[in-house]
N, C-alpha and C. Protein backbone atom coordinates (compact mmCIF):
# COMPACT_ATOMS: atom_id res chain seq x y z
N MET A 1 109.03 45.19 56.06
CA MET A 1 108.13 44.26 57.18
C MET A 1 107.06 43.47 56.54
N THR A 2 106.76 42.23 57.14
CA THR A 2 105.48 41.46 56.60
C THR A 2 104.41 42.20 57.30
N ALA A 3 103.21 41.67 56.52
CA ALA A 3 102.05 42.06 57.04
C ALA A 3 101.58 41.64 58.25
N ALA A 4 102.12 40.47 58.86
CA ALA A 4 101.88 39.90 60.11
C ALA A 4 102.66 40.70 61.26
N ALA A 5 103.88 41.06 60.81
CA ALA A 5 104.88 42.20 61.92
C ALA A 5 104.09 43.42 62.11
N THR A 6 103.46 43.97 61.21
CA THR A 6 103.05 45.14 61.27
C THR A 6 101.37 45.26 61.79
N MET A 7 101.05 44.20 61.80
CA MET A 7 99.45 44.14 62.11
C MET A 7 99.34 44.49 63.77
N ASN A 8 98.28 45.23 63.95
CA ASN A 8 97.70 45.77 65.19
C ASN A 8 97.13 44.79 65.83
N TYR A 9 97.47 44.72 66.88
CA TYR A 9 96.87 43.54 68.04
C TYR A 9 95.32 43.57 68.11
N ASN A 10 95.02 45.25 68.11
CA ASN A 10 93.53 45.43 68.34
C ASN A 10 92.27 44.89 67.36
N THR A 11 92.96 44.72 66.09
CA THR A 11 91.93 44.19 65.07
C THR A 11 91.66 42.75 65.47
N ALA A 12 92.84 42.16 65.51
CA ALA A 12 92.37 40.53 65.51
C ALA A 12 92.10 40.04 67.10
N TYR A 13 92.80 40.60 68.20
CA TYR A 13 92.46 40.30 69.53
C TYR A 13 90.97 40.55 70.13
N PHE A 14 90.56 41.57 69.73
CA PHE A 14 89.23 42.20 69.99
C PHE A 14 88.10 41.65 68.72
N ASN A 15 88.52 41.03 67.90
CA ASN A 15 87.76 40.50 66.78
C ASN A 15 86.70 41.53 66.39
N SER A 16 87.31 42.97 66.27
CA SER A 16 86.41 44.30 65.91
C SER A 16 85.74 44.01 64.39
N THR A 17 85.05 43.31 64.19
CA THR A 17 84.59 43.39 62.62
C THR A 17 83.19 44.07 62.94
N ARG A 18 82.88 44.68 61.67
CA ARG A 18 81.51 45.57 61.76
C ARG A 18 80.55 44.77 60.76
N GLY A 19 81.13 43.72 59.99
CA GLY A 19 80.46 43.00 59.30
C GLY A 19 79.69 41.77 59.66
N PHE A 20 78.50 41.47 58.99
CA PHE A 20 77.77 40.67 59.66
C PHE A 20 77.33 39.25 58.62
N SER A 21 78.14 39.42 57.46
CA SER A 21 78.08 38.33 56.60
C SER A 21 79.17 37.20 56.94
N THR A 22 78.77 36.11 56.18
CA THR A 22 79.69 35.09 56.22
C THR A 22 81.17 35.16 56.01
N GLU A 23 81.18 36.10 54.77
CA GLU A 23 82.82 36.31 54.59
C GLU A 23 83.25 37.32 55.55
N ALA A 24 82.50 38.10 56.24
CA ALA A 24 83.03 38.79 57.21
C ALA A 24 83.57 37.97 58.70
N GLU A 25 82.51 37.04 59.03
CA GLU A 25 82.80 36.06 60.25
C GLU A 25 84.27 35.26 59.77
N SER A 26 84.32 35.19 58.41
CA SER A 26 85.39 34.20 58.18
C SER A 26 86.82 35.11 58.19
N ILE A 27 86.69 36.29 57.45
CA ILE A 27 87.82 37.11 57.81
C ILE A 27 88.08 37.30 59.37
N ALA A 28 87.33 37.47 60.18
CA ALA A 28 87.40 37.63 61.51
C ALA A 28 88.05 36.35 62.32
N GLU A 29 87.64 35.17 62.03
CA GLU A 29 88.41 34.00 62.28
C GLU A 29 89.53 33.86 61.84
N GLY A 30 89.87 34.19 60.49
CA GLY A 30 91.29 34.31 59.94
C GLY A 30 92.27 35.03 60.82
N LYS A 31 91.83 36.11 61.12
CA LYS A 31 92.61 37.16 62.05
C LYS A 31 92.77 36.65 63.40
N GLN A 32 91.93 36.09 63.70
CA GLN A 32 92.14 35.38 65.43
C GLN A 32 93.14 34.36 65.28
N SER A 33 92.87 33.44 64.14
CA SER A 33 93.81 32.46 64.06
C SER A 33 95.54 32.93 63.78
N ILE A 34 95.62 34.09 63.14
CA ILE A 34 96.89 34.52 62.91
C ILE A 34 97.35 35.08 64.02
N LEU A 35 96.67 35.73 64.84
CA LEU A 35 97.12 36.37 66.17
C LEU A 35 97.49 35.46 67.08
N ASN A 36 96.57 34.22 67.12
CA ASN A 36 96.85 32.87 67.97
C ASN A 36 98.34 32.54 67.57
N ARG A 37 98.65 32.47 66.42
CA ARG A 37 99.88 31.86 65.97
C ARG A 37 101.07 32.81 66.38
N LEU A 38 100.67 34.05 66.23
CA LEU A 38 101.78 35.33 66.50
C LEU A 38 102.05 35.01 68.20
N LEU A 39 101.06 34.91 68.88
CA LEU A 39 100.83 34.80 70.37
C LEU A 39 101.96 33.58 70.82
N GLU A 40 102.05 32.50 70.06
CA GLU A 40 102.69 31.52 70.30
C GLU A 40 104.29 31.79 70.29
N THR A 41 104.83 32.92 69.59
CA THR A 41 106.03 33.01 69.46
C THR A 41 106.51 34.18 70.51
N PHE A 42 107.67 34.12 70.98
CA PHE A 42 108.07 34.65 72.24
C PHE A 42 108.16 36.32 71.65
N SER A 43 108.77 36.87 70.67
CA SER A 43 108.79 38.02 70.25
C SER A 43 107.51 38.73 70.05
N MET A 44 106.45 38.30 69.37
CA MET A 44 105.16 38.94 69.35
C MET A 44 104.58 38.49 70.62
N GLY A 45 104.63 37.61 71.04
CA GLY A 45 103.90 37.01 72.18
C GLY A 45 103.77 37.89 73.73
N GLU A 46 105.21 38.15 73.68
CA GLU A 46 105.62 38.81 75.11
C GLU A 46 105.11 40.16 75.30
N ARG A 47 105.02 41.18 74.30
CA ARG A 47 104.22 42.36 74.63
C ARG A 47 102.98 42.08 74.88
N PHE A 48 102.31 41.22 74.17
CA PHE A 48 100.59 41.08 74.19
C PHE A 48 100.46 40.62 76.02
N ARG A 49 101.03 39.55 76.25
CA ARG A 49 101.22 39.19 77.58
C ARG A 49 101.64 40.13 78.64
N ASN A 50 102.48 41.02 78.48
CA ASN A 50 102.90 42.03 79.35
C ASN A 50 101.76 42.90 79.58
N ILE A 51 101.04 43.44 78.44
CA ILE A 51 100.25 44.20 78.44
C ILE A 51 99.04 43.57 79.30
N SER A 52 98.24 42.37 78.80
CA SER A 52 97.45 41.78 79.43
C SER A 52 97.49 41.41 80.90
N GLN A 53 98.61 41.41 81.21
CA GLN A 53 99.11 41.10 82.62
C GLN A 53 98.87 42.17 83.28
N ARG A 54 99.85 43.15 82.87
CA ARG A 54 99.71 44.78 83.59
C ARG A 54 98.31 45.40 84.01
N THR A 55 97.50 45.19 82.81
CA THR A 55 96.16 46.11 83.06
C THR A 55 95.12 45.07 83.82
N ALA A 56 95.42 43.76 83.95
CA ALA A 56 94.47 42.87 84.61
C ALA A 56 94.79 43.20 86.03
N GLU A 57 96.20 43.49 86.47
CA GLU A 57 96.96 43.64 87.56
C GLU A 57 96.33 44.74 88.42
N ILE A 58 96.56 46.00 87.54
CA ILE A 58 95.88 47.32 88.05
C ILE A 58 94.41 46.95 88.35
N ALA A 59 93.58 46.44 87.36
CA ALA A 59 92.00 46.28 87.54
C ALA A 59 91.77 45.50 88.71
N SER A 60 92.38 44.45 89.11
CA SER A 60 92.30 43.57 90.40
C SER A 60 92.73 44.30 91.67
N ILE A 61 93.78 45.23 91.65
CA ILE A 61 94.13 45.99 92.80
C ILE A 61 92.86 46.99 93.20
N ALA A 62 92.26 47.45 92.04
CA ALA A 62 91.44 48.79 92.04
C ALA A 62 89.95 48.16 91.87
N CYS A 63 89.77 46.89 92.03
CA CYS A 63 88.08 46.53 91.67
C CYS A 63 87.04 46.82 92.75
N VAL A 64 87.25 47.33 93.96
CA VAL A 64 86.19 47.74 94.93
C VAL A 64 86.43 49.39 95.24
N ARG A 65 85.25 49.73 95.69
CA ARG A 65 85.23 51.19 95.97
C ARG A 65 86.22 51.45 97.54
N GLY A 66 86.80 52.22 97.31
CA GLY A 66 87.82 52.41 98.71
C GLY A 66 88.92 51.87 98.55
N TRP A 67 89.65 51.12 97.49
CA TRP A 67 90.59 50.35 97.15
C TRP A 67 92.06 51.42 97.36
N ASP A 68 91.86 52.63 97.50
CA ASP A 68 92.92 53.39 97.88
C ASP A 68 92.93 53.79 99.36
N GLY A 69 92.23 53.10 100.30
CA GLY A 69 92.12 53.76 101.40
C GLY A 69 91.31 54.99 101.83
N TYR A 70 90.77 55.59 100.79
CA TYR A 70 89.69 56.40 100.89
C TYR A 70 88.63 56.13 100.51
N ASP A 71 87.89 56.88 99.30
CA ASP A 71 86.72 56.43 98.95
C ASP A 71 86.81 56.60 97.32
N GLY A 72 87.94 55.96 96.89
CA GLY A 72 88.35 55.80 95.34
C GLY A 72 87.42 54.97 94.79
N LEU A 73 86.99 55.24 93.49
CA LEU A 73 85.87 54.53 92.76
C LEU A 73 86.39 53.22 92.15
N PRO A 74 85.96 52.16 92.03
CA PRO A 74 86.59 51.00 91.38
C PRO A 74 87.01 51.32 90.02
N VAL A 75 87.93 50.53 89.46
CA VAL A 75 88.01 50.19 88.11
C VAL A 75 86.92 49.52 87.35
N THR A 76 86.40 49.72 86.71
CA THR A 76 85.25 49.16 86.05
C THR A 76 85.73 48.09 85.02
N PHE A 77 85.05 46.96 84.76
CA PHE A 77 85.44 46.15 83.27
C PHE A 77 85.60 46.85 82.12
N GLY A 78 84.54 48.17 82.05
CA GLY A 78 84.42 48.93 80.80
C GLY A 78 86.03 49.77 80.73
N THR A 79 86.31 50.15 81.94
CA THR A 79 87.62 50.96 82.01
C THR A 79 88.85 49.96 81.58
N TYR A 80 88.81 48.75 82.30
CA TYR A 80 89.82 47.76 81.96
C TYR A 80 89.96 47.41 80.60
N MET A 81 88.91 47.17 79.85
CA MET A 81 88.81 46.69 78.46
C MET A 81 89.18 47.86 77.79
N HIS A 82 88.84 49.57 77.92
CA HIS A 82 89.49 50.47 76.91
C HIS A 82 90.78 50.56 77.35
N ALA A 83 91.40 50.61 78.39
CA ALA A 83 92.83 50.71 78.74
C ALA A 83 93.66 49.57 77.98
N ALA A 84 93.15 48.29 77.99
CA ALA A 84 93.86 47.01 77.48
C ALA A 84 93.77 47.25 75.93
N PHE A 85 92.47 47.61 75.21
CA PHE A 85 92.41 47.81 73.86
C PHE A 85 93.43 49.06 73.37
N PHE A 86 93.74 50.08 74.11
CA PHE A 86 94.27 51.19 73.83
C PHE A 86 95.96 50.69 73.79
N MET A 87 96.15 49.84 74.78
CA MET A 87 97.67 49.73 74.96
C MET A 87 97.99 48.59 73.82
N HIS A 88 96.97 47.72 73.65
CA HIS A 88 97.28 46.85 72.53
C HIS A 88 97.22 47.69 71.00
N THR A 89 96.72 48.44 70.89
CA THR A 89 96.58 49.37 69.68
C THR A 89 97.75 50.26 69.47
N LEU A 90 98.65 50.37 70.51
CA LEU A 90 99.86 51.21 70.36
C LEU A 90 100.97 50.48 69.51
N PRO A 91 101.54 51.48 68.48
CA PRO A 91 102.45 50.61 67.61
C PRO A 91 103.48 50.06 68.31
N GLU A 92 104.23 49.03 67.70
CA GLU A 92 105.20 48.34 68.31
C GLU A 92 106.40 48.95 68.85
N HIS A 93 106.69 50.19 67.96
CA HIS A 93 107.99 51.05 68.26
C HIS A 93 107.73 51.95 69.38
N LEU A 94 106.54 51.90 69.89
CA LEU A 94 106.45 52.86 71.27
C LEU A 94 106.54 52.10 72.38
N PRO A 95 107.36 52.65 73.64
CA PRO A 95 107.38 52.01 74.95
C PRO A 95 105.85 51.91 75.35
N LEU A 96 105.92 50.74 76.30
CA LEU A 96 104.67 50.73 77.19
C LEU A 96 104.63 51.73 78.43
N PRO A 97 103.74 52.03 78.57
CA PRO A 97 103.49 52.99 79.87
C PRO A 97 103.66 52.22 81.17
N GLU A 98 103.85 53.06 82.09
CA GLU A 98 103.53 52.57 83.51
C GLU A 98 102.09 53.06 83.96
N LEU A 99 101.33 51.98 84.48
CA LEU A 99 100.14 52.01 84.67
C LEU A 99 99.89 52.26 86.37
N SER A 100 98.52 52.98 86.49
CA SER A 100 98.17 53.11 87.67
C SER A 100 96.77 53.38 87.80
N ALA A 101 96.04 53.36 88.88
CA ALA A 101 94.58 53.49 88.85
C ALA A 101 94.39 54.82 89.46
N ASP A 102 93.42 55.52 89.23
CA ASP A 102 93.03 56.91 89.50
C ASP A 102 92.08 56.71 90.61
N PRO A 103 91.57 57.67 91.62
CA PRO A 103 90.49 57.47 92.50
C PRO A 103 89.20 57.94 91.87
N ASP A 104 89.15 58.14 90.58
CA ASP A 104 87.60 58.40 89.96
C ASP A 104 87.28 57.29 89.15
N GLY A 105 88.36 55.98 89.28
CA GLY A 105 88.14 54.86 88.50
C GLY A 105 88.48 54.80 87.18
N ALA A 106 89.43 55.66 86.76
CA ALA A 106 89.96 55.74 85.31
C ALA A 106 91.20 54.96 85.86
N ILE A 107 92.03 54.58 84.32
CA ILE A 107 93.27 53.85 84.44
C ILE A 107 94.34 55.10 83.95
N SER A 108 95.35 55.46 84.53
CA SER A 108 96.36 56.38 83.90
C SER A 108 97.63 55.37 83.45
N MET A 109 98.04 55.96 82.26
CA MET A 109 98.88 55.62 81.69
C MET A 109 100.09 56.73 81.47
N GLU A 110 101.60 56.50 81.81
CA GLU A 110 102.53 57.50 81.87
C GLU A 110 103.86 57.03 81.22
N TRP A 111 104.34 58.16 80.37
CA TRP A 111 105.50 57.63 79.73
C TRP A 111 106.33 58.81 80.50
N TYR A 112 107.69 58.53 80.74
CA TYR A 112 108.40 59.29 81.71
C TYR A 112 109.88 59.19 81.16
N ARG A 113 110.53 60.22 80.77
CA ARG A 113 112.12 60.33 80.39
C ARG A 113 112.74 60.97 81.58
N MET A 114 112.29 62.13 81.88
CA MET A 114 112.79 63.00 82.99
C MET A 114 111.95 64.00 83.38
N PRO A 115 112.01 64.70 84.20
CA PRO A 115 111.19 65.67 85.04
C PRO A 115 110.34 66.53 84.14
N ASP A 116 111.06 66.80 83.12
CA ASP A 116 110.51 68.02 82.11
C ASP A 116 110.15 67.34 80.95
N TRP A 117 110.09 66.00 80.77
CA TRP A 117 109.57 65.13 79.46
C TRP A 117 108.91 64.11 80.06
N ILE A 118 107.56 64.31 80.17
CA ILE A 118 106.67 63.09 80.48
C ILE A 118 105.43 63.44 79.94
N PHE A 119 104.55 62.31 79.60
CA PHE A 119 103.05 62.34 78.82
C PHE A 119 102.53 61.47 79.58
N SER A 120 101.21 61.84 80.05
CA SER A 120 100.18 61.03 80.58
C SER A 120 98.91 61.13 80.19
N ILE A 121 98.16 59.58 80.17
CA ILE A 121 96.81 59.58 79.59
C ILE A 121 95.92 58.97 80.81
N SER A 122 94.86 59.40 81.04
CA SER A 122 93.61 58.62 81.73
C SER A 122 92.67 58.40 80.85
N ILE A 123 92.20 57.23 80.97
CA ILE A 123 91.29 56.68 80.27
C ILE A 123 90.04 56.12 81.18
N ASP A 124 88.97 56.33 80.92
CA ASP A 124 87.72 55.92 81.52
C ASP A 124 86.78 54.84 80.81
N ASP A 125 85.55 54.39 81.64
CA ASP A 125 84.91 53.51 81.07
C ASP A 125 84.12 53.97 79.61
N THR A 126 84.18 55.19 79.30
CA THR A 126 83.43 55.33 78.19
C THR A 126 84.55 55.52 76.98
N GLY A 127 85.67 55.19 77.49
CA GLY A 127 86.74 55.29 76.34
C GLY A 127 87.36 57.15 76.30
N LYS A 128 86.71 57.81 76.97
CA LYS A 128 87.25 59.30 77.02
C LYS A 128 88.81 59.32 77.50
N LEU A 129 89.67 59.85 76.85
CA LEU A 129 91.03 60.01 77.01
C LEU A 129 91.14 61.54 77.75
N ASP A 130 91.89 61.81 78.66
CA ASP A 130 92.15 63.01 79.06
C ASP A 130 93.82 62.94 79.14
N TYR A 131 94.30 63.76 78.29
CA TYR A 131 95.99 63.56 78.34
C TYR A 131 96.66 64.98 78.54
N SER A 132 97.96 64.86 78.94
CA SER A 132 98.70 66.33 79.25
C SER A 132 100.02 65.55 79.10
N GLY A 133 100.89 66.50 78.79
CA GLY A 133 102.37 66.50 78.63
C GLY A 133 103.10 67.35 78.70
N ILE A 134 104.33 67.34 79.26
CA ILE A 134 105.42 68.30 79.22
C ILE A 134 106.66 67.94 78.38
N PHE A 135 106.91 68.66 77.69
CA PHE A 135 108.46 68.48 76.68
C PHE A 135 109.16 69.41 76.65
N ALA A 136 110.12 69.60 77.84
CA ALA A 136 110.98 70.59 77.94
C ALA A 136 109.99 72.06 78.17
N ASP A 137 110.10 72.84 77.18
CA ASP A 137 109.20 74.04 77.54
C ASP A 137 107.87 74.08 76.75
N LYS A 138 107.54 73.19 76.17
CA LYS A 138 106.21 72.89 75.55
C LYS A 138 105.21 72.19 76.22
N LYS A 139 104.07 72.55 76.72
CA LYS A 139 102.94 71.94 77.16
C LYS A 139 101.97 71.36 76.52
N VAL A 140 101.38 70.41 76.61
CA VAL A 140 99.86 70.08 75.66
C VAL A 140 99.26 69.19 76.83
N SER A 141 98.00 69.54 76.35
CA SER A 141 96.67 68.87 76.97
C SER A 141 95.61 68.81 76.27
N GLY A 142 94.56 67.84 76.35
CA GLY A 142 93.29 67.77 75.80
C GLY A 142 92.53 66.55 76.33
N SER A 143 91.60 66.44 75.46
CA SER A 143 90.43 65.23 75.54
C SER A 143 90.24 64.65 74.21
N SER A 144 89.94 63.55 74.15
CA SER A 144 89.31 63.02 73.06
C SER A 144 88.89 61.69 73.45
N PHE A 145 88.18 60.91 72.56
CA PHE A 145 87.56 59.70 72.61
C PHE A 145 88.52 58.61 71.87
N PHE A 146 88.99 57.41 72.49
CA PHE A 146 89.33 56.51 71.96
C PHE A 146 88.46 55.34 71.25
N VAL A 147 88.42 55.24 70.20
CA VAL A 147 87.41 54.15 69.43
C VAL A 147 88.38 53.84 68.25
N GLU A 148 88.94 52.54 68.83
CA GLU A 148 89.49 51.60 67.74
C GLU A 148 90.88 52.13 67.08
N GLU A 149 91.43 53.32 67.05
CA GLU A 149 92.61 53.98 66.69
C GLU A 149 92.87 55.09 67.65
N ILE A 150 94.09 55.03 67.55
CA ILE A 150 94.72 56.43 68.67
C ILE A 150 94.91 57.48 67.63
N ASP A 151 94.60 58.55 68.17
CA ASP A 151 94.79 59.82 67.27
C ASP A 151 96.30 59.85 67.21
N SER A 152 96.78 60.35 65.83
CA SER A 152 98.15 60.80 65.50
C SER A 152 98.82 61.67 66.23
N ASP A 153 98.17 62.56 66.90
CA ASP A 153 98.72 63.61 67.80
C ASP A 153 99.32 62.72 69.22
N ILE A 154 98.50 61.80 69.55
CA ILE A 154 98.91 61.18 70.61
C ILE A 154 99.83 60.27 70.43
N ILE A 155 99.94 59.73 69.41
CA ILE A 155 101.06 58.67 68.98
C ILE A 155 102.27 59.60 68.94
N ASP A 156 102.22 60.65 68.34
CA ASP A 156 103.30 61.66 68.12
C ASP A 156 103.97 61.93 69.59
N TYR A 157 102.82 62.38 70.48
CA TYR A 157 103.35 62.98 71.79
C TYR A 157 104.08 61.52 72.65
N ILE A 158 103.64 60.48 72.43
CA ILE A 158 104.11 59.42 73.17
C ILE A 158 105.57 59.14 72.60
N GLY A 159 105.53 59.29 71.15
CA GLY A 159 107.01 59.06 70.47
C GLY A 159 107.85 59.97 71.04
N ARG A 160 107.75 61.19 71.75
CA ARG A 160 108.42 62.16 72.01
C ARG A 160 109.44 61.59 73.17
N ILE A 161 108.70 60.82 73.95
CA ILE A 161 109.30 60.48 75.28
C ILE A 161 110.68 59.63 74.92
């Protein structure tokens, strides 16, 4: 595979550079240029557009208090950004999840194969991930924080679906 084909969307799309030098800015601009070219292609751009559209749709549906007909908290911009960033960071070989808004203002992502093969993640505006999964007779659950990279255990759980 080429470097462009294996590039994570997160590094270019969110221009996540920690550098302040002229060189760091030049590299960030180069990454953005590469991403823009990739997004012009059908194969690389389709997944990116799909993620962006789906997260924006969920955030717009649940953007006000009481969106659920009860007293559901709104999905904040921070929650939307963390969910979009997480999904853009997913390796290409993994399927995209079904999305929904939670009454606590988080966004849930669910991967489903059958009733006893399911994995779910809820992410909030701080980047906190709460996850749980059932894989036949094995159950997993836990919490972590999403900061630029997805924990390898979570990648493994999603890959089981």
